[in-house]
Amino acid sequence: MKTENYSQKTIMKSAELFKNLKNSLIGLSEILKINFNVDYFLYQAGIENIIALGKNIPELINNSYSSPKFINELIKTNYYNRNKTNKTKIST
C-alpha cells in the first residue's frame, strides 16, 4: 500500500466511516438473528455475506487500483446493470 500524507480531518472522517460500516454490518446480523433461527440456512448465508462485506469493502478501498473515481464508476455500472435486469428504479 502506498504511503500518502493525509490530514487529521481526513483520517478522522475515514475512521468514522469505517465505524459506521462496522455498525451497519452488526445491525444487519442482529436483524438476521431476530428474523431467523441461527440453524436456518438463510441465517447462515446472510451471516457469511455480511462477513464477506466486512472483509471486501475495506480491501477494495485500500487497494491502490481502487481510486474514488474507479469505485464510483463501479457502483454506477452495477446499479445500472441491476436496474436494467430487475426493471426497478434505483436512486443514486
N, C-alpha and C. Protein backbone atom coordinates (compact mmCIF):
# COMPACT_ATOMS: atom_id res chain seq x y z
N MET A 1 0.84 -1.17 0.00
CA MET A 1 0.00 0.00 0.00
C MET A 1 0.89 1.24 0.00
N LYS A 2 0.59 2.19 -0.87
CA LYS A 2 1.43 3.38 -0.94
C LYS A 2 1.14 4.31 0.22
N THR A 3 2.16 5.03 0.63
CA THR A 3 2.04 5.95 1.75
C THR A 3 1.75 7.34 1.23
N GLU A 4 0.73 7.96 1.78
CA GLU A 4 0.36 9.32 1.41
C GLU A 4 0.20 10.14 2.67
N ASN A 5 0.27 11.44 2.52
CA ASN A 5 0.05 12.33 3.65
C ASN A 5 -1.43 12.69 3.71
N TYR A 6 -2.07 12.32 4.80
CA TYR A 6 -3.48 12.61 4.98
C TYR A 6 -3.63 13.60 6.12
N SER A 7 -4.58 14.50 5.98
CA SER A 7 -4.84 15.46 7.06
C SER A 7 -5.54 14.74 8.21
N GLN A 8 -5.45 15.33 9.38
CA GLN A 8 -6.11 14.77 10.56
C GLN A 8 -7.61 14.65 10.32
N LYS A 9 -8.18 15.65 9.63
CA LYS A 9 -9.62 15.66 9.33
C LYS A 9 -9.98 14.46 8.44
N THR A 10 -9.16 14.17 7.43
CA THR A 10 -9.41 13.04 6.54
C THR A 10 -9.32 11.72 7.29
N ILE A 11 -8.34 11.61 8.16
CA ILE A 11 -8.16 10.38 8.94
C ILE A 11 -9.36 10.18 9.87
N MET A 12 -9.80 11.23 10.53
CA MET A 12 -10.94 11.14 11.44
C MET A 12 -12.22 10.77 10.68
N LYS A 13 -12.41 11.36 9.52
CA LYS A 13 -13.60 11.05 8.72
C LYS A 13 -13.56 9.60 8.27
N SER A 14 -12.40 9.12 7.85
CA SER A 14 -12.27 7.73 7.42
C SER A 14 -12.55 6.77 8.58
N ALA A 15 -12.04 7.09 9.75
CA ALA A 15 -12.29 6.26 10.93
C ALA A 15 -13.78 6.22 11.25
N GLU A 16 -14.43 7.37 11.12
CA GLU A 16 -15.87 7.44 11.37
C GLU A 16 -16.64 6.59 10.36
N LEU A 17 -16.25 6.67 9.10
CA LEU A 17 -16.92 5.89 8.06
C LEU A 17 -16.74 4.39 8.28
N PHE A 18 -15.53 3.97 8.65
CA PHE A 18 -15.30 2.55 8.93
C PHE A 18 -16.12 2.09 10.14
N LYS A 19 -16.23 2.96 11.15
CA LYS A 19 -17.03 2.63 12.32
C LYS A 19 -18.50 2.48 11.93
N ASN A 20 -19.00 3.38 11.08
CA ASN A 20 -20.37 3.30 10.60
C ASN A 20 -20.60 2.02 9.80
N LEU A 21 -19.64 1.67 8.96
CA LEU A 21 -19.73 0.43 8.19
C LEU A 21 -19.82 -0.76 9.13
N LYS A 22 -18.94 -0.80 10.11
CA LYS A 22 -18.94 -1.90 11.09
C LYS A 22 -20.28 -1.98 11.81
N ASN A 23 -20.79 -0.84 12.27
CA ASN A 23 -22.07 -0.82 12.98
C ASN A 23 -23.23 -1.25 12.08
N SER A 24 -23.18 -0.88 10.81
CA SER A 24 -24.22 -1.30 9.87
C SER A 24 -24.21 -2.81 9.69
N LEU A 25 -23.02 -3.39 9.57
CA LEU A 25 -22.92 -4.84 9.41
C LEU A 25 -23.38 -5.56 10.67
N ILE A 26 -23.05 -5.02 11.82
CA ILE A 26 -23.52 -5.60 13.09
C ILE A 26 -25.05 -5.51 13.15
N GLY A 27 -25.60 -4.39 12.73
CA GLY A 27 -27.05 -4.22 12.71
C GLY A 27 -27.73 -5.23 11.80
N LEU A 28 -27.15 -5.46 10.64
CA LEU A 28 -27.71 -6.46 9.72
C LEU A 28 -27.68 -7.86 10.34
N SER A 29 -26.60 -8.18 11.02
CA SER A 29 -26.52 -9.51 11.65
C SER A 29 -27.55 -9.63 12.78
N GLU A 30 -27.80 -8.54 13.50
CA GLU A 30 -28.82 -8.56 14.55
C GLU A 30 -30.21 -8.77 13.95
N ILE A 31 -30.48 -8.15 12.81
CA ILE A 31 -31.76 -8.33 12.13
C ILE A 31 -31.94 -9.79 11.74
N LEU A 32 -30.88 -10.41 11.24
CA LEU A 32 -30.95 -11.83 10.88
C LEU A 32 -31.25 -12.69 12.11
N LYS A 33 -30.62 -12.36 13.22
CA LYS A 33 -30.85 -13.12 14.46
C LYS A 33 -32.30 -13.02 14.92
N ILE A 34 -32.89 -11.85 14.74
CA ILE A 34 -34.28 -11.65 15.16
C ILE A 34 -35.23 -12.42 14.26
N ASN A 35 -34.94 -12.44 12.96
CA ASN A 35 -35.88 -13.00 11.99
C ASN A 35 -35.69 -14.47 11.67
N PHE A 36 -34.51 -15.03 11.96
CA PHE A 36 -34.24 -16.41 11.60
C PHE A 36 -33.60 -17.16 12.76
N ASN A 37 -33.91 -18.43 12.86
CA ASN A 37 -33.22 -19.31 13.79
C ASN A 37 -31.78 -19.44 13.33
N VAL A 38 -30.82 -19.43 14.27
CA VAL A 38 -29.40 -19.47 13.90
C VAL A 38 -29.02 -20.74 13.15
N ASP A 39 -29.83 -21.78 13.23
CA ASP A 39 -29.57 -23.03 12.50
C ASP A 39 -30.15 -23.01 11.08
N TYR A 40 -30.95 -22.00 10.78
CA TYR A 40 -31.61 -21.91 9.48
C TYR A 40 -30.63 -21.50 8.40
N PHE A 41 -30.78 -22.07 7.22
CA PHE A 41 -29.86 -21.82 6.10
C PHE A 41 -29.76 -20.33 5.76
N LEU A 42 -30.88 -19.63 5.70
CA LEU A 42 -30.84 -18.22 5.31
C LEU A 42 -30.08 -17.37 6.33
N TYR A 43 -30.15 -17.73 7.59
CA TYR A 43 -29.37 -17.03 8.60
C TYR A 43 -27.89 -17.25 8.34
N GLN A 44 -27.50 -18.50 8.13
CA GLN A 44 -26.09 -18.82 7.89
C GLN A 44 -25.57 -18.12 6.64
N ALA A 45 -26.36 -18.15 5.57
CA ALA A 45 -25.96 -17.49 4.31
C ALA A 45 -25.84 -15.98 4.50
N GLY A 46 -26.78 -15.40 5.23
CA GLY A 46 -26.74 -13.96 5.48
C GLY A 46 -25.51 -13.56 6.28
N ILE A 47 -25.19 -14.31 7.31
CA ILE A 47 -24.00 -14.02 8.12
C ILE A 47 -22.73 -14.15 7.28
N GLU A 48 -22.65 -15.18 6.45
CA GLU A 48 -21.47 -15.34 5.59
C GLU A 48 -21.31 -14.15 4.65
N ASN A 49 -22.41 -13.64 4.12
CA ASN A 49 -22.34 -12.49 3.22
C ASN A 49 -21.96 -11.22 3.97
N ILE A 50 -22.44 -11.06 5.18
CA ILE A 50 -22.07 -9.89 5.98
C ILE A 50 -20.57 -9.92 6.30
N ILE A 51 -20.06 -11.09 6.64
CA ILE A 51 -18.62 -11.23 6.91
C ILE A 51 -17.82 -10.90 5.65
N ALA A 52 -18.28 -11.38 4.50
CA ALA A 52 -17.59 -11.09 3.24
C ALA A 52 -17.58 -9.59 2.96
N LEU A 53 -18.69 -8.92 3.19
CA LEU A 53 -18.74 -7.47 3.01
C LEU A 53 -17.75 -6.77 3.93
N GLY A 54 -17.71 -7.21 5.18
CA GLY A 54 -16.80 -6.61 6.15
C GLY A 54 -15.34 -6.76 5.76
N LYS A 55 -15.01 -7.80 5.04
CA LYS A 55 -13.63 -8.01 4.59
C LYS A 55 -13.35 -7.33 3.26
N ASN A 56 -14.29 -7.40 2.34
CA ASN A 56 -14.05 -6.94 0.98
C ASN A 56 -14.15 -5.43 0.77
N ILE A 57 -15.06 -4.77 1.47
CA ILE A 57 -15.20 -3.33 1.28
C ILE A 57 -13.92 -2.59 1.69
N PRO A 58 -13.39 -2.82 2.89
CA PRO A 58 -12.13 -2.13 3.23
C PRO A 58 -10.98 -2.50 2.30
N GLU A 59 -10.93 -3.77 1.86
CA GLU A 59 -9.86 -4.17 0.94
C GLU A 59 -9.98 -3.43 -0.39
N LEU A 60 -11.19 -3.30 -0.89
CA LEU A 60 -11.42 -2.57 -2.14
C LEU A 60 -10.96 -1.12 -2.00
N ILE A 61 -11.32 -0.51 -0.89
CA ILE A 61 -10.97 0.89 -0.66
C ILE A 61 -9.46 1.07 -0.50
N ASN A 62 -8.79 0.13 0.14
CA ASN A 62 -7.37 0.26 0.43
C ASN A 62 -6.45 -0.05 -0.74
N ASN A 63 -6.91 -0.80 -1.72
CA ASN A 63 -6.04 -1.14 -2.85
C ASN A 63 -5.76 0.07 -3.72
N SER A 64 -4.54 0.15 -4.20
CA SER A 64 -4.12 1.32 -4.97
C SER A 64 -4.90 1.48 -6.27
N TYR A 65 -5.39 0.36 -6.85
CA TYR A 65 -6.14 0.47 -8.10
C TYR A 65 -7.57 0.98 -7.87
N SER A 66 -7.97 1.08 -6.63
CA SER A 66 -9.33 1.48 -6.30
C SER A 66 -9.43 2.97 -5.98
N SER A 67 -9.21 3.78 -6.98
CA SER A 67 -9.35 5.21 -6.77
C SER A 67 -10.82 5.54 -6.56
N PRO A 68 -11.11 6.67 -5.93
CA PRO A 68 -12.52 7.05 -5.75
C PRO A 68 -13.30 7.08 -7.08
N LYS A 69 -12.65 7.54 -8.14
CA LYS A 69 -13.31 7.57 -9.45
C LYS A 69 -13.64 6.16 -9.92
N PHE A 70 -12.70 5.22 -9.74
CA PHE A 70 -12.91 3.83 -10.13
C PHE A 70 -14.08 3.23 -9.34
N ILE A 71 -14.09 3.45 -8.03
CA ILE A 71 -15.15 2.90 -7.18
C ILE A 71 -16.50 3.50 -7.57
N ASN A 72 -16.54 4.80 -7.83
CA ASN A 72 -17.77 5.47 -8.24
C ASN A 72 -18.30 4.87 -9.55
N GLU A 73 -17.43 4.67 -10.51
CA GLU A 73 -17.84 4.08 -11.79
C GLU A 73 -18.32 2.64 -11.60
N LEU A 74 -17.66 1.90 -10.74
CA LEU A 74 -18.06 0.52 -10.45
C LEU A 74 -19.46 0.48 -9.85
N ILE A 75 -19.72 1.37 -8.91
CA ILE A 75 -21.05 1.43 -8.29
C ILE A 75 -22.10 1.81 -9.31
N LYS A 76 -21.83 2.84 -10.10
CA LYS A 76 -22.79 3.27 -11.12
C LYS A 76 -23.09 2.15 -12.11
N THR A 77 -22.05 1.45 -12.56
CA THR A 77 -22.23 0.36 -13.51
C THR A 77 -23.06 -0.76 -12.91
N ASN A 78 -22.78 -1.13 -11.68
CA ASN A 78 -23.53 -2.20 -11.03
C ASN A 78 -24.98 -1.80 -10.78
N TYR A 79 -25.24 -0.56 -10.37
CA TYR A 79 -26.62 -0.11 -10.19
C TYR A 79 -27.35 -0.09 -11.52
N TYR A 80 -26.66 0.36 -12.57
CA TYR A 80 -27.29 0.41 -13.88
C TYR A 80 -27.66 -0.99 -14.34
N ASN A 81 -26.72 -1.93 -14.21
CA ASN A 81 -26.99 -3.31 -14.64
C ASN A 81 -28.09 -3.95 -13.80
N ARG A 82 -28.09 -3.68 -12.51
CA ARG A 82 -29.12 -4.22 -11.63
C ARG A 82 -30.48 -3.64 -11.98
N ASN A 83 -30.50 -2.34 -12.23
CA ASN A 83 -31.73 -1.66 -12.60
C ASN A 83 -32.27 -2.22 -13.91
N LYS A 84 -31.40 -2.43 -14.86
CA LYS A 84 -31.79 -2.95 -16.17
C LYS A 84 -32.34 -4.38 -16.04
N THR A 85 -31.69 -5.19 -15.21
CA THR A 85 -32.09 -6.58 -15.02
C THR A 85 -33.41 -6.69 -14.26
N ASN A 86 -33.54 -5.94 -13.17
CA ASN A 86 -34.72 -6.04 -12.31
C ASN A 86 -35.88 -5.17 -12.76
N LYS A 87 -35.62 -4.27 -13.71
CA LYS A 87 -36.64 -3.33 -14.20
C LYS A 87 -37.21 -2.50 -13.06
N THR A 88 -36.36 -2.21 -12.05
CA THR A 88 -36.77 -1.34 -10.96
C THR A 88 -35.88 -0.13 -10.95
N LYS A 89 -36.41 0.99 -10.52
CA LYS A 89 -35.62 2.20 -10.47
C LYS A 89 -34.86 2.27 -9.15
N ILE A 90 -33.56 2.45 -9.26
CA ILE A 90 -32.71 2.58 -8.09
C ILE A 90 -32.14 3.99 -8.11
N SER A 91 -32.39 4.73 -7.05
CA SER A 91 -31.88 6.10 -6.99
C SER A 91 -30.46 6.08 -6.46
N THR A 92 -29.61 6.96 -7.01
CA THR A 92 -28.23 7.06 -6.54
C THR A 92 -27.94 8.46 -6.12
